[in-house]
Amino acid sequence: MAILSQSTATFSPSFVSTRSDFTRLTRFPCRVTFRRGLAVSSCFNSSKSPGAGGFLSPDNGGEVSYELHHDFSPQRRRSGSPVFVTLPVNSVSREGGRVLRPKTMMFSLKALATAGVEGVVVEIWWGLVEKNKPRVYDWRGCEELVAMACKCGLKVRAVLAFHQHGAGPDDPNCLSPLCRIPLPLWVLDEIKKDVELAYCDRFGRRNIEYISLGCDILPVLRGRSPIQVYADFMRDFRDTFRSLLGVIITGVQIGMGPGGELRYPSFSPQEPNLAWPQELGEFQCYDKYMLASLNASARNIGMREWGNGGPFGTGSLMQNPEHTDFFKNDGGSWDTPYGKFFLEWYSGMLLLHGERICKEAETIFRGTEVHMSAKLAVIHWHYVTQSHPSELTAGYYNTFNRDGYLSIARMFSKYGFSMCCSCFEMQDAVMQKINPDGSPEGFLRQLLLAARLCDLALEGQNFSTNLDDGGFTQVLKMSKFYSNGIEKRPFSFNFVRMDKRLFESRNWDRFTRFVRQMSNGNIFRARLYSVGDTRFKTAPVMPEARLLYHLYQYS
């Protein structure tokens, strides 16, 4: 039996299994079924005491019996903020059909549950699920991951990722070929036939992280528009996991751009450390579909000459904005009638793209009781300037005299979406020693105030994957900035991400302490029993997080 107290969580796994045992974890008996016959019987969200909890067992002839007792009382849910952990990018094989290193994954999930984590974030990649042919989906690896999380009493947030992960072999953030996940192969074939489907900057450089929003509603993907393709993917996901939506899969984040964020791919994906960039960014409006829209908007106001492309005088990527004609504080053309026209069109196209996807998602997931969310980028490195150039090129028309995020928050509120944003661990005092024009805290406060005004639930996230005590303290500070007050807004935190460093002794101690602090001490409690071929036990010894560290290192 494992009951968590205020002391540091411990986890000591004893495991005897074969590969087939883990395959069997994806087959359950019946009240809640996957489309392919997977099912789960559960009493999650029960207000019963731990002694009265729920029951789970796989339909495998009685070989493995699992019993989980939960204490998810209403009091637990009203106090503190739940913590989720994002799983590794390469959790599922490149073919999409199986979980990689299933033993290590199961150990890791059990450790997270013992630490008091509410659930896990599972990224579901368009490039793996619909890899080879349109409308042919392979959810097997995702189903296996969800089943494993369920076995451990963890909830799941699914991220529907319609973007590429990893820019290529030269991307320092993509250290392993297994971590690079391109768009579906059949989509890349269509881009080869029509390169205008890819974003383009003024230098003619193409970006294939995400399909250009300029062709959102045009039938450019074998007779379907990108919005229709995204909607069909969401619909098949809903039908496959319908029985688990709102029960085990409690949240679905919809990708809306590069990095899963509602933005343009304005800055370089090869940037070595996006925590400390100073790029101005490039306007992504030079593919023929975006240019056609810009030209039409300019003609509508009788200014045809404004519709031939993006602004002049934007400088080079790393240039000081004060040395550019467009972005400089005094007399910059961003604050002229032309600049205002262009920036309103550019940001308006992004907002329209977000609204189209929100509308489809709201219709598809209506009645499932799953919480939908979308992610915004935290582009903070020119926040204290007047023009905020790096925000402008990303599609956020936010300047010292104009709020560019309130309209986005209103759109999310209109369709019942939560807002997700990262960089909760960043501190101005640290950042401004490197870049005096940046202010991650100032940026976040503006974003959080917009979310409060629109009564949005918020999902926080970290940027750096290796947080120290100061980073965790900053997360707590910013989370309280949002959730504290007379009217408490729902707040949760996605820790990005689970890897071997998380299970290093010092990091694990910090993480479990952070989970307790976020939950105000009201930790999830689970009792687990198992018999048969698969056996786990927990004991009050030194956390076998070290074992997990070595499993990640050598498996």
Protein backbone atom coordinates (compact mmCIF):
# COMPACT_ATOMS: atom_id res chain seq x y z
CA MET A 1 0.00 0.00 0.00
CA ALA A 2 1.25 3.49 -0.84
CA ILE A 3 -0.15 6.42 1.12
CA LEU A 4 1.49 9.79 0.48
CA SER A 5 2.37 12.00 3.41
CA GLN A 6 4.01 15.40 3.59
CA SER A 7 7.44 13.80 3.37
CA THR A 8 9.20 13.36 0.02
CA ALA A 9 7.43 10.79 -2.12
CA THR A 10 9.18 7.47 -2.46
CA PHE A 11 8.80 4.83 -5.08
CA SER A 12 10.26 1.35 -5.11
CA PRO A 13 9.11 -0.75 -8.05
CA SER A 14 9.34 -4.50 -8.12
CA PHE A 15 8.56 -5.69 -11.58
CA VAL A 16 8.23 -9.02 -13.34
CA SER A 17 6.88 -8.92 -16.86
CA THR A 18 7.33 -9.69 -20.51
CA ARG A 19 6.67 -7.53 -23.55
CA SER A 20 3.32 -9.28 -24.05
CA ASP A 21 2.22 -8.28 -20.56
CA PHE A 22 2.44 -4.62 -21.53
CA THR A 23 0.60 -5.25 -24.75
CA ARG A 24 -2.20 -6.79 -22.71
CA LEU A 25 -2.49 -3.61 -20.64
CA THR A 26 -4.37 -2.08 -23.53
CA ARG A 27 -7.24 -4.59 -23.36
CA PHE A 28 -9.94 -3.93 -20.82
CA PRO A 29 -13.45 -5.27 -20.17
CA CYS A 30 -16.35 -3.24 -20.67
CA ARG A 31 -18.40 -0.38 -19.84
CA VAL A 32 -16.14 2.12 -21.50
CA THR A 33 -14.83 1.09 -24.89
CA PHE A 34 -12.38 2.23 -27.49
CA ARG A 35 -13.53 1.85 -31.06
CA ARG A 36 -11.25 -1.16 -31.49
CA GLY A 37 -12.58 -2.93 -28.40
CA LEU A 38 -10.46 -1.34 -25.68
CA ALA A 39 -12.32 -0.53 -22.54
CA VAL A 40 -12.04 0.57 -18.96
CA SER A 41 -14.19 0.40 -15.88
CA SER A 42 -13.36 3.16 -13.44
CA CYS A 43 -14.60 5.25 -10.57
CA PHE A 44 -12.48 8.33 -11.19
CA ASN A 45 -13.85 11.58 -9.78
CA SER A 46 -15.50 9.64 -7.00
CA SER A 47 -16.03 11.39 -3.68
CA LYS A 48 -15.72 8.07 -1.85
CA SER A 49 -13.00 7.47 0.65
CA PRO A 50 -9.89 5.53 -0.41
CA GLY A 51 -11.37 2.42 1.12
CA ALA A 52 -14.31 2.56 -1.25
CA GLY A 53 -12.48 3.40 -4.48
CA GLY A 54 -12.80 2.14 -8.03
CA PHE A 55 -11.84 -1.08 -9.76
CA LEU A 56 -9.91 -1.73 -12.92
CA SER A 57 -9.02 -5.03 -14.55
CA PRO A 58 -7.91 -6.16 -18.00
CA ASP A 59 -9.91 -8.68 -19.96
CA ASN A 60 -7.14 -11.22 -20.28
CA GLY A 61 -8.54 -14.31 -18.70
CA GLY A 62 -7.90 -13.10 -15.18
CA GLU A 63 -4.12 -13.11 -15.54
CA VAL A 64 -3.73 -9.61 -14.13
CA SER A 65 -6.00 -7.96 -11.62
CA TYR A 66 -5.56 -4.32 -10.66
CA GLU A 67 -7.34 -2.33 -8.01
CA LEU A 68 -6.96 1.43 -7.63
CA HIS A 69 -8.48 3.43 -4.82
CA HIS A 70 -8.70 7.16 -5.38
CA ASP A 71 -9.40 10.12 -3.20
CA PHE A 72 -10.62 12.65 -5.76
CA SER A 73 -13.03 14.36 -3.40
CA PRO A 74 -14.66 17.72 -4.20
CA GLN A 75 -12.56 19.23 -1.42
CA ARG A 76 -9.38 17.94 -3.12
CA ARG A 77 -10.43 19.53 -6.40
CA ARG A 78 -11.23 22.92 -4.92
CA SER A 79 -7.92 23.22 -3.09
CA GLY A 80 -4.68 23.88 -4.89
CA SER A 81 -3.74 23.43 -8.54
CA PRO A 82 -3.22 20.07 -10.24
CA VAL A 83 0.08 19.25 -11.92
CA PHE A 84 0.36 17.30 -15.18
CA VAL A 85 3.58 16.02 -16.74
CA THR A 86 4.23 16.01 -20.49
CA LEU A 87 5.53 12.67 -21.74
CA PRO A 88 8.61 12.39 -23.99
CA VAL A 89 8.19 13.32 -27.65
CA ASN A 90 9.33 9.87 -28.74
CA SER A 91 6.97 7.94 -26.42
CA VAL A 92 5.41 6.29 -29.48
CA SER A 93 7.37 4.63 -32.28
CA ARG A 94 7.89 6.42 -35.60
CA GLU A 95 5.41 3.99 -37.13
CA GLY A 96 2.91 5.09 -34.47
CA GLY A 97 1.80 1.58 -33.59
CA ARG A 98 3.45 0.94 -30.23
CA VAL A 99 4.85 2.57 -27.10
CA LEU A 100 8.64 2.67 -27.03
CA ARG A 101 10.33 1.23 -23.90
CA PRO A 102 7.03 0.16 -22.27
CA LYS A 103 8.66 -1.10 -19.05
CA THR A 104 10.39 2.23 -18.46
CA MET A 105 7.18 4.07 -19.32
CA MET A 106 5.13 2.05 -16.83
CA PHE A 107 7.70 2.54 -14.06
CA SER A 108 7.72 6.27 -14.79
CA LEU A 109 3.94 6.61 -14.72
CA LYS A 110 3.76 4.76 -11.40
CA ALA A 111 6.37 7.10 -9.96
CA LEU A 112 4.42 10.16 -11.14
CA ALA A 113 1.21 8.82 -9.59
CA THR A 114 2.99 8.19 -6.30
CA ALA A 115 4.36 11.74 -6.33
CA GLY A 116 0.84 13.14 -6.46
CA VAL A 117 0.71 14.16 -10.11
CA GLU A 118 -2.83 14.53 -11.45
CA GLY A 119 -2.13 13.23 -14.93
CA VAL A 120 0.04 13.26 -18.03
CA VAL A 121 0.08 15.24 -21.25
CA VAL A 122 0.22 13.03 -24.35
CA GLU A 123 1.19 14.67 -27.64
CA ILE A 124 -0.63 13.06 -30.55
CA TRP A 125 1.24 13.84 -33.73
CA TRP A 126 -0.61 14.32 -37.00
CA GLY A 127 2.58 13.21 -38.76
CA LEU A 128 2.44 9.78 -37.05
CA VAL A 129 -1.28 9.05 -36.82
CA GLU A 130 -2.23 10.05 -40.39
CA LYS A 131 1.25 9.46 -41.74
CA ASN A 132 0.93 7.77 -45.12
CA LYS A 133 -2.55 8.31 -46.53
CA PRO A 134 -5.36 10.81 -45.98
CA ARG A 135 -8.11 9.60 -43.63
CA VAL A 136 -6.11 6.51 -42.63
CA TYR A 137 -5.44 6.89 -38.90
CA ASP A 138 -3.31 4.71 -36.63
CA TRP A 139 -4.16 5.35 -32.98
CA ARG A 140 -2.63 2.15 -31.56
CA GLY A 141 0.36 3.73 -29.83
CA CYS A 142 -1.84 6.48 -28.36
CA GLU A 143 -4.34 3.91 -27.11
CA GLU A 144 -1.59 1.98 -25.39
CA LEU A 145 -0.26 5.13 -23.70
CA VAL A 146 -3.72 6.12 -22.48
CA ALA A 147 -4.30 2.62 -21.15
CA MET A 148 -1.01 2.71 -19.24
CA ALA A 149 -1.86 6.08 -17.71
CA CYS A 150 -5.27 4.76 -16.74
CA LYS A 151 -3.66 1.74 -15.08
CA CYS A 152 -1.68 4.09 -12.88
CA GLY A 153 -4.68 6.20 -11.89
CA LEU A 154 -3.51 9.15 -13.98
CA LYS A 155 -5.67 11.39 -16.10
CA VAL A 156 -4.68 12.35 -19.63
CA ARG A 157 -4.52 15.61 -21.52
CA ALA A 158 -4.21 15.00 -25.24
CA VAL A 159 -2.41 17.52 -27.46
CA LEU A 160 -3.48 17.25 -31.10
CA ALA A 161 -0.26 18.39 -32.76
CA PHE A 162 -0.73 19.53 -36.37
CA HIS A 163 2.81 20.86 -36.64
CA GLN A 164 6.26 19.47 -37.29
CA HIS A 165 8.50 18.71 -34.34
CA GLY A 166 12.20 19.41 -34.81
CA ALA A 167 13.42 21.56 -37.68
CA GLY A 168 15.84 18.97 -39.02
CA PRO A 169 19.25 17.41 -38.44
CA ASP A 170 20.80 20.81 -37.70
CA ASP A 171 18.24 21.69 -35.05
CA PRO A 172 20.03 21.65 -31.65
CA ASN A 173 16.68 21.15 -29.92
CA CYS A 174 16.23 17.88 -31.82
CA LEU A 175 19.15 15.80 -30.56
CA SER A 176 17.85 12.43 -31.75
CA PRO A 177 16.38 11.48 -35.14
CA LEU A 178 13.57 9.81 -33.17
CA CYS A 179 12.56 13.26 -31.89
CA ARG A 180 12.00 14.70 -35.36
CA ILE A 181 8.42 14.27 -36.45
CA PRO A 182 7.54 15.86 -39.82
CA LEU A 183 4.12 16.60 -41.21
CA PRO A 184 2.35 13.56 -42.77
CA LEU A 185 4.20 12.22 -45.80
CA TRP A 186 1.19 12.71 -48.07
CA VAL A 187 0.98 16.37 -46.97
CA LEU A 188 4.67 16.87 -47.74
CA ASP A 189 4.00 15.42 -51.19
CA GLU A 190 1.33 18.09 -51.73
CA ILE A 191 3.74 20.81 -50.57
CA LYS A 192 6.28 19.58 -53.11
CA LYS A 193 3.64 19.96 -55.82
CA ASP A 194 2.64 23.42 -54.59
CA VAL A 195 5.32 25.11 -52.46
CA GLU A 196 2.91 28.00 -51.83
CA LEU A 197 1.28 25.83 -49.16
CA ALA A 198 4.32 26.62 -47.00
CA TYR A 199 4.86 29.94 -45.26
CA CYS A 200 7.36 32.27 -46.93
CA ASP A 201 9.27 35.36 -45.78
CA ARG A 202 10.56 38.31 -47.84
CA PHE A 203 13.74 36.41 -48.72
CA GLY A 204 11.81 33.52 -50.24
CA ARG A 205 12.66 31.12 -47.42
CA ARG A 206 9.98 28.47 -46.96
CA ASN A 207 8.86 27.10 -43.61
CA ILE A 208 7.08 23.74 -43.44
CA GLU A 209 6.52 23.56 -39.69
CA TYR A 210 2.84 24.20 -40.31
CA ILE A 211 0.65 24.74 -43.38
CA SER A 212 0.14 28.39 -44.31
CA LEU A 213 -3.11 29.73 -42.87
CA GLY A 214 -3.59 31.64 -46.13
CA CYS A 215 -5.07 28.47 -47.66
CA ASP A 216 -7.18 27.50 -44.61
CA ILE A 217 -10.44 27.03 -46.52
CA LEU A 218 -9.11 26.11 -49.97
CA PRO A 219 -9.24 22.45 -51.15
CA VAL A 220 -5.47 22.14 -51.52
CA LEU A 221 -4.98 18.79 -49.71
CA ARG A 222 -6.39 16.26 -52.16
CA GLY A 223 -9.79 17.87 -52.30
CA ARG A 224 -9.99 18.98 -48.67
CA SER A 225 -9.00 22.25 -47.06
CA PRO A 226 -6.53 22.26 -44.13
CA ILE A 227 -9.37 23.17 -41.76
CA GLN A 228 -11.38 20.19 -43.03
CA VAL A 229 -8.35 17.93 -42.59
CA TYR A 230 -7.84 19.11 -39.00
CA ALA A 231 -11.56 18.66 -38.30
CA ASP A 232 -11.59 15.11 -39.72
CA PHE A 233 -8.60 14.24 -37.53
CA MET A 234 -10.33 15.66 -34.42
CA ARG A 235 -13.52 13.80 -35.30
CA ASP A 236 -11.74 10.45 -35.66
CA PHE A 237 -9.92 11.07 -32.37
CA ARG A 238 -13.26 11.76 -30.69
CA ASP A 239 -14.85 8.60 -32.12
CA THR A 240 -11.85 6.44 -31.18
CA PHE A 241 -11.63 7.65 -27.58
CA ARG A 242 -15.26 8.70 -27.07
CA SER A 243 -15.86 6.56 -23.97
CA LEU A 244 -12.83 8.02 -22.20
CA LEU A 245 -13.48 11.69 -22.94
CA GLY A 246 -14.31 13.56 -19.77
CA VAL A 247 -13.44 10.52 -17.63
CA ILE A 248 -9.80 9.67 -18.25
CA ILE A 249 -9.01 12.01 -21.13
CA THR A 250 -10.10 15.19 -19.38
CA GLY A 251 -8.49 17.75 -21.69
CA VAL A 252 -7.75 18.19 -25.38
CA GLN A 253 -5.38 20.91 -26.55
CA ILE A 254 -5.80 21.81 -30.23
CA GLY A 255 -2.65 22.77 -32.12
CA MET A 256 -3.04 25.98 -34.10
CA GLY A 257 0.42 26.73 -35.46
CA PRO A 258 4.17 26.09 -35.13
CA GLY A 259 5.04 24.56 -31.77
CA GLY A 260 1.31 23.95 -31.33
CA GLU A 261 0.89 27.69 -30.65
CA LEU A 262 -1.45 30.18 -32.30
CA ARG A 263 1.24 32.19 -34.13
CA TYR A 264 3.22 32.51 -37.33
CA PRO A 265 6.64 30.77 -37.68
CA SER A 266 8.35 34.15 -37.52
CA PHE A 267 11.56 33.25 -35.74
CA SER A 268 14.20 30.70 -36.61
CA PRO A 269 13.49 27.10 -35.53
CA GLN A 270 17.26 26.57 -35.38
CA GLU A 271 17.66 29.14 -32.57
CA PRO A 272 19.94 27.36 -30.06
CA ASN A 273 18.12 28.59 -26.99
CA LEU A 274 14.75 30.16 -27.45
CA ALA A 275 14.69 31.10 -23.77
CA TRP A 276 17.05 33.99 -24.51
CA PRO A 277 16.55 35.09 -28.14
CA GLN A 278 16.61 38.62 -29.45
CA GLU A 279 15.30 38.00 -32.94
CA LEU A 280 12.99 40.58 -34.47
CA GLY A 281 11.40 37.85 -36.54
CA GLU A 282 10.22 37.90 -40.16
CA PHE A 283 6.69 38.57 -41.40
CA GLN A 284 5.32 35.39 -42.98
CA CYS A 285 3.08 36.86 -45.66
CA TYR A 286 4.81 36.11 -48.96
CA ASP A 287 3.20 32.87 -50.12
CA LYS A 288 0.66 33.46 -52.87
CA TYR A 289 -2.35 32.74 -50.66
CA MET A 290 -1.34 35.28 -48.01
CA LEU A 291 -0.43 37.84 -50.69
CA ALA A 292 -3.82 37.39 -52.36
CA SER A 293 -5.57 38.12 -49.07
CA LEU A 294 -3.36 41.16 -48.37
CA ASN A 295 -3.93 42.49 -51.87
CA ALA A 296 -7.70 42.13 -51.55
CA SER A 297 -7.71 43.93 -48.18
CA ALA A 298 -5.65 46.80 -49.60
CA ARG A 299 -7.95 47.17 -52.62
CA ASN A 300 -10.98 47.21 -50.32
CA ILE A 301 -9.73 50.46 -48.74
CA GLY A 302 -8.51 51.93 -52.03
CA MET A 303 -4.80 51.55 -51.25
CA ARG A 304 -3.62 48.97 -53.79
CA GLU A 305 0.02 49.85 -53.28
CA TRP A 306 -0.22 48.55 -49.72
CA GLY A 307 -1.04 45.04 -50.90
CA ASN A 308 2.20 44.07 -52.63
CA GLY A 309 3.97 42.53 -49.62
CA GLY A 310 5.12 43.11 -46.08
CA PRO A 311 6.60 46.30 -44.63
CA PHE A 312 9.91 47.79 -45.72
CA GLY A 313 12.61 48.76 -43.24
CA THR A 314 12.17 45.83 -40.86
CA GLY A 315 15.92 45.26 -40.60
CA SER A 316 17.72 41.96 -40.16
CA LEU A 317 16.79 39.23 -37.70
CA MET A 318 19.20 40.21 -34.91
CA GLN A 319 19.23 43.95 -35.53
CA ASN A 320 18.50 46.49 -32.81
CA PRO A 321 14.89 47.60 -33.46
CA GLU A 322 15.96 51.22 -32.92
CA HIS A 323 18.09 50.93 -36.04
CA THR A 324 15.14 49.96 -38.25
CA ASP A 325 12.65 52.23 -40.00
CA PHE A 326 9.64 50.10 -39.18
CA PHE A 327 10.16 49.07 -35.53
CA LYS A 328 11.95 52.07 -33.96
CA ASN A 329 10.15 53.70 -31.05
CA ASP A 330 9.97 57.26 -32.35
CA GLY A 331 8.77 57.71 -35.91
CA GLY A 332 8.65 54.00 -36.73
CA SER A 333 6.24 53.19 -39.54
CA TRP A 334 4.52 50.59 -37.35
CA ASP A 335 2.60 53.54 -35.90
CA THR A 336 1.59 55.08 -39.26
CA PRO A 337 -1.68 54.47 -41.14
CA TYR A 338 0.10 51.95 -43.38
CA GLY A 339 1.67 50.14 -40.42
CA LYS A 340 -1.66 49.94 -38.62
CA PHE A 341 -3.40 48.62 -41.75
CA PHE A 342 -0.81 45.89 -42.28
CA LEU A 343 -0.62 44.80 -38.65
CA GLU A 344 -4.41 44.69 -38.31
CA TRP A 345 -4.64 42.50 -41.43
CA TYR A 346 -1.74 40.24 -40.37
CA SER A 347 -3.00 39.70 -36.81
CA GLY A 348 -6.58 39.47 -38.05
CA MET A 349 -5.68 36.56 -40.32
CA LEU A 350 -4.18 34.74 -37.36
CA LEU A 351 -7.25 35.43 -35.23
CA LEU A 352 -9.51 34.18 -38.04
CA HIS A 353 -7.43 30.99 -38.30
CA GLY A 354 -7.81 30.41 -34.56
CA GLU A 355 -11.55 31.04 -34.71
CA ARG A 356 -12.05 28.57 -37.55
CA ILE A 357 -10.32 25.83 -35.60
CA CYS A 358 -12.08 26.73 -32.32
CA LYS A 359 -15.45 26.60 -34.05
CA GLU A 360 -14.77 23.16 -35.53
CA ALA A 361 -13.42 21.80 -32.25
CA GLU A 362 -16.34 23.16 -30.21
CA THR A 363 -18.79 21.45 -32.56
CA ILE A 364 -16.88 18.15 -32.61
CA PHE A 365 -16.32 17.85 -28.85
CA ARG A 366 -19.65 19.30 -27.77
CA GLY A 367 -21.29 17.06 -25.16
CA THR A 368 -18.14 15.07 -24.34
CA GLU A 369 -17.37 16.98 -21.10
CA VAL A 370 -13.75 17.28 -22.18
CA HIS A 371 -11.98 20.60 -21.58
CA MET A 372 -10.56 22.18 -24.74
CA SER A 373 -7.55 24.46 -24.74
CA ALA A 374 -5.19 26.28 -27.09
CA LYS A 375 -1.68 27.57 -26.59
CA LEU A 376 -0.22 31.05 -27.07
CA ALA A 377 3.47 31.79 -27.48
CA VAL A 378 5.23 33.82 -24.79
CA ILE A 379 7.39 36.12 -26.94
CA HIS A 380 8.85 38.38 -24.31
CA TRP A 381 12.22 39.51 -25.62
CA HIS A 382 11.16 42.98 -26.83
CA TYR A 383 8.37 43.53 -24.34
CA VAL A 384 9.71 46.78 -22.84
CA THR A 385 10.05 48.49 -26.24
CA GLN A 386 7.17 50.50 -27.68
CA SER A 387 6.64 48.47 -30.86
CA HIS A 388 7.22 44.91 -29.47
CA PRO A 389 8.68 43.82 -32.84
CA SER A 390 9.03 40.08 -32.16
CA GLU A 391 5.37 39.92 -31.10
CA LEU A 392 4.27 41.78 -34.24
CA THR A 393 6.05 39.39 -36.60
CA ALA A 394 4.52 36.42 -34.73
CA GLY A 395 1.04 37.83 -35.37
CA TYR A 396 0.31 39.46 -32.02
CA TYR A 397 -0.57 43.13 -32.61
CA ASN A 398 0.52 44.13 -29.14
CA THR A 399 2.31 47.44 -28.58
CA PHE A 400 2.74 49.90 -25.72
CA ASN A 401 -0.60 51.52 -26.66
CA ARG A 402 -2.57 48.50 -27.94
CA ASP A 403 -3.57 45.23 -26.22
CA GLY A 404 -3.07 42.38 -28.68
CA TYR A 405 -4.18 39.53 -26.43
CA LEU A 406 -7.61 40.54 -25.20
CA SER A 407 -9.22 39.76 -28.57
CA ILE A 408 -7.63 36.29 -28.55
CA ALA A 409 -8.81 35.65 -24.99
CA ARG A 410 -12.34 36.72 -25.98
CA MET A 411 -12.28 34.27 -28.87
CA PHE A 412 -11.20 31.43 -26.57
CA SER A 413 -13.96 32.38 -24.12
CA LYS A 414 -16.56 32.44 -26.90
CA TYR A 415 -15.86 28.80 -27.75
CA GLY A 416 -15.25 27.54 -24.22
CA PHE A 417 -11.48 27.13 -24.54
CA SER A 418 -8.86 27.35 -21.81
CA MET A 419 -5.60 29.18 -22.48
CA CYS A 420 -2.16 27.58 -22.22
CA CYS A 421 1.11 29.54 -22.08
CA SER A 422 4.67 28.79 -21.03
CA CYS A 423 7.68 30.52 -19.42
CA PHE A 424 6.16 30.50 -15.93
CA GLU A 425 9.59 29.87 -14.43
CA MET A 426 11.30 32.89 -16.03
CA GLN A 427 12.29 35.91 -13.96
CA ASP A 428 12.86 39.49 -15.12
CA ALA A 429 15.85 39.85 -12.80
CA VAL A 430 17.63 37.04 -14.63
CA MET A 431 16.42 37.84 -18.12
CA GLN A 432 17.29 41.53 -18.10
CA LYS A 433 20.93 40.81 -17.30
CA ILE A 434 21.07 39.14 -20.72
CA ASN A 435 18.51 41.18 -22.61
CA PRO A 436 17.36 44.47 -21.05
CA ASP A 437 14.51 44.76 -23.58
CA GLY A 438 12.86 41.55 -22.36
CA SER A 439 10.31 41.00 -19.62
CA PRO A 440 8.81 37.50 -19.32
CA GLU A 441 7.02 38.48 -16.12
CA GLY A 442 5.53 41.59 -17.67
CA PHE A 443 4.39 39.63 -20.70
CA LEU A 444 2.82 36.89 -18.58
CA ARG A 445 1.01 39.39 -16.37
CA GLN A 446 -0.61 40.99 -19.41
CA LEU A 447 -1.62 37.58 -20.75
CA LEU A 448 -2.98 36.46 -17.37
CA LEU A 449 -4.96 39.67 -16.93
CA ALA A 450 -6.57 39.14 -20.35
CA ALA A 451 -7.46 35.58 -19.30
CA ARG A 452 -8.94 36.83 -16.00
CA LEU A 453 -11.03 39.47 -17.76
CA CYS A 454 -12.47 36.77 -20.02
CA ASP A 455 -12.87 34.28 -17.15
CA LEU A 456 -10.66 31.64 -18.77
CA ALA A 457 -9.22 28.58 -17.11
CA LEU A 458 -5.44 28.70 -17.47
CA GLU A 459 -2.79 26.06 -18.08
CA GLY A 460 0.71 27.17 -17.15
CA GLN A 461 3.85 25.58 -18.52
CA ASN A 462 7.62 25.81 -18.13
CA PHE A 463 10.06 26.52 -20.96
CA SER A 464 13.27 25.18 -19.48
CA THR A 465 13.18 21.44 -18.79
CA ASN A 466 15.64 21.58 -15.90
CA LEU A 467 14.19 23.79 -13.17
CA ASP A 468 16.07 24.74 -10.01
CA ASP A 469 14.51 25.85 -6.73
CA GLY A 470 14.22 29.43 -8.02
CA GLY A 471 12.38 28.26 -11.12
CA PHE A 472 9.82 26.26 -9.15
CA THR A 473 9.35 29.17 -6.73
CA GLN A 474 8.68 31.48 -9.67
CA VAL A 475 6.06 29.07 -11.05
CA LEU A 476 4.28 29.13 -7.69
CA LYS A 477 4.44 32.93 -7.63
CA MET A 478 2.96 33.34 -11.12
CA SER A 479 0.31 30.69 -10.55
CA LYS A 480 -0.89 32.51 -7.43
CA PHE A 481 -0.91 35.78 -9.37
CA TYR A 482 -3.59 34.21 -11.58
CA SER A 483 -5.55 31.92 -9.27
CA ASN A 484 -5.63 33.95 -6.02
CA GLY A 485 -8.32 36.50 -5.37
CA ILE A 486 -11.98 36.75 -4.46
CA GLU A 487 -12.99 34.83 -7.57
CA LYS A 488 -10.59 31.92 -7.92
CA ARG A 489 -9.94 31.01 -11.54
CA PRO A 490 -9.11 27.39 -12.43
CA PHE A 491 -5.37 26.95 -12.84
CA SER A 492 -3.27 23.87 -13.59
CA PHE A 493 0.34 23.35 -14.53
CA ASN A 494 1.90 21.21 -17.27
CA PHE A 495 5.47 20.28 -16.39
CA VAL A 496 7.51 19.91 -19.60
CA ARG A 497 8.77 17.25 -19.74
CA MET A 498 9.44 13.78 -18.33
CA ASP A 499 13.00 12.65 -19.07
CA LYS A 500 15.91 11.05 -17.25
CA ARG A 501 16.86 14.35 -15.59
CA LEU A 502 13.53 14.48 -13.79
CA PHE A 503 14.43 11.28 -11.97
CA GLU A 504 17.83 12.42 -10.76
CA SER A 505 17.66 12.42 -6.96
CA ARG A 506 17.94 16.18 -6.45
CA ASN A 507 15.54 17.04 -9.27
CA TRP A 508 13.01 14.46 -8.10
CA ASP A 509 13.06 15.90 -4.58
CA ARG A 510 12.45 19.39 -5.99
CA PHE A 511 9.66 18.17 -8.24
CA THR A 512 7.74 16.23 -5.56
CA ARG A 513 8.04 19.21 -3.21
CA PHE A 514 6.66 21.45 -5.96
CA VAL A 515 3.69 19.12 -6.55
CA ARG A 516 2.83 19.26 -2.84
CA GLN A 517 3.11 23.04 -2.80
CA MET A 518 0.88 23.41 -5.87
CA SER A 519 -1.76 21.18 -4.30
CA ASN A 520 -1.58 22.98 -0.94
CA GLY A 521 -0.66 19.68 0.66
CA ASN A 522 -3.81 17.86 -0.50
CA ILE A 523 -2.01 15.13 -2.40
CA PHE A 524 -3.68 12.48 -4.49
CA ARG A 525 -3.64 9.21 -2.61
CA ALA A 526 -3.73 5.79 -4.23
CA ARG A 527 -3.70 2.25 -2.98
CA LEU A 528 -2.65 -0.31 -5.51
CA TYR A 529 -2.75 -4.06 -5.44
CA SER A 530 -1.84 -6.45 -8.24
CA VAL A 531 -1.65 -10.16 -8.69
CA GLY A 532 -0.62 -12.33 -11.57
CA ASP A 533 2.18 -11.76 -14.05
CA THR A 534 2.57 -8.03 -13.41
CA ARG A 535 3.51 -6.96 -9.88
CA PHE A 536 4.30 -3.57 -8.38
CA LYS A 537 4.90 -2.61 -4.80
CA THR A 538 5.74 0.63 -3.05
CA ALA A 539 7.86 0.91 0.06
CA PRO A 540 9.18 3.78 2.21
CA VAL A 541 12.77 3.57 0.99
CA MET A 542 15.04 5.93 -0.99
CA PRO A 543 13.09 6.79 -4.16
CA GLU A 544 13.90 4.42 -6.95
CA ALA A 545 13.80 7.46 -9.14
CA ARG A 546 17.49 6.58 -9.52
CA LEU A 547 16.47 3.31 -11.12
CA LEU A 548 14.29 5.21 -13.57
CA TYR A 549 17.19 7.53 -14.34
CA HIS A 550 19.33 4.54 -15.27
CA LEU A 551 16.52 2.93 -17.25
CA TYR A 552 16.24 6.09 -19.36
CA GLN A 553 20.00 6.24 -19.74
CA TYR A 554 20.60 2.67 -20.85
CA SER A 555 17.35 1.42 -22.40
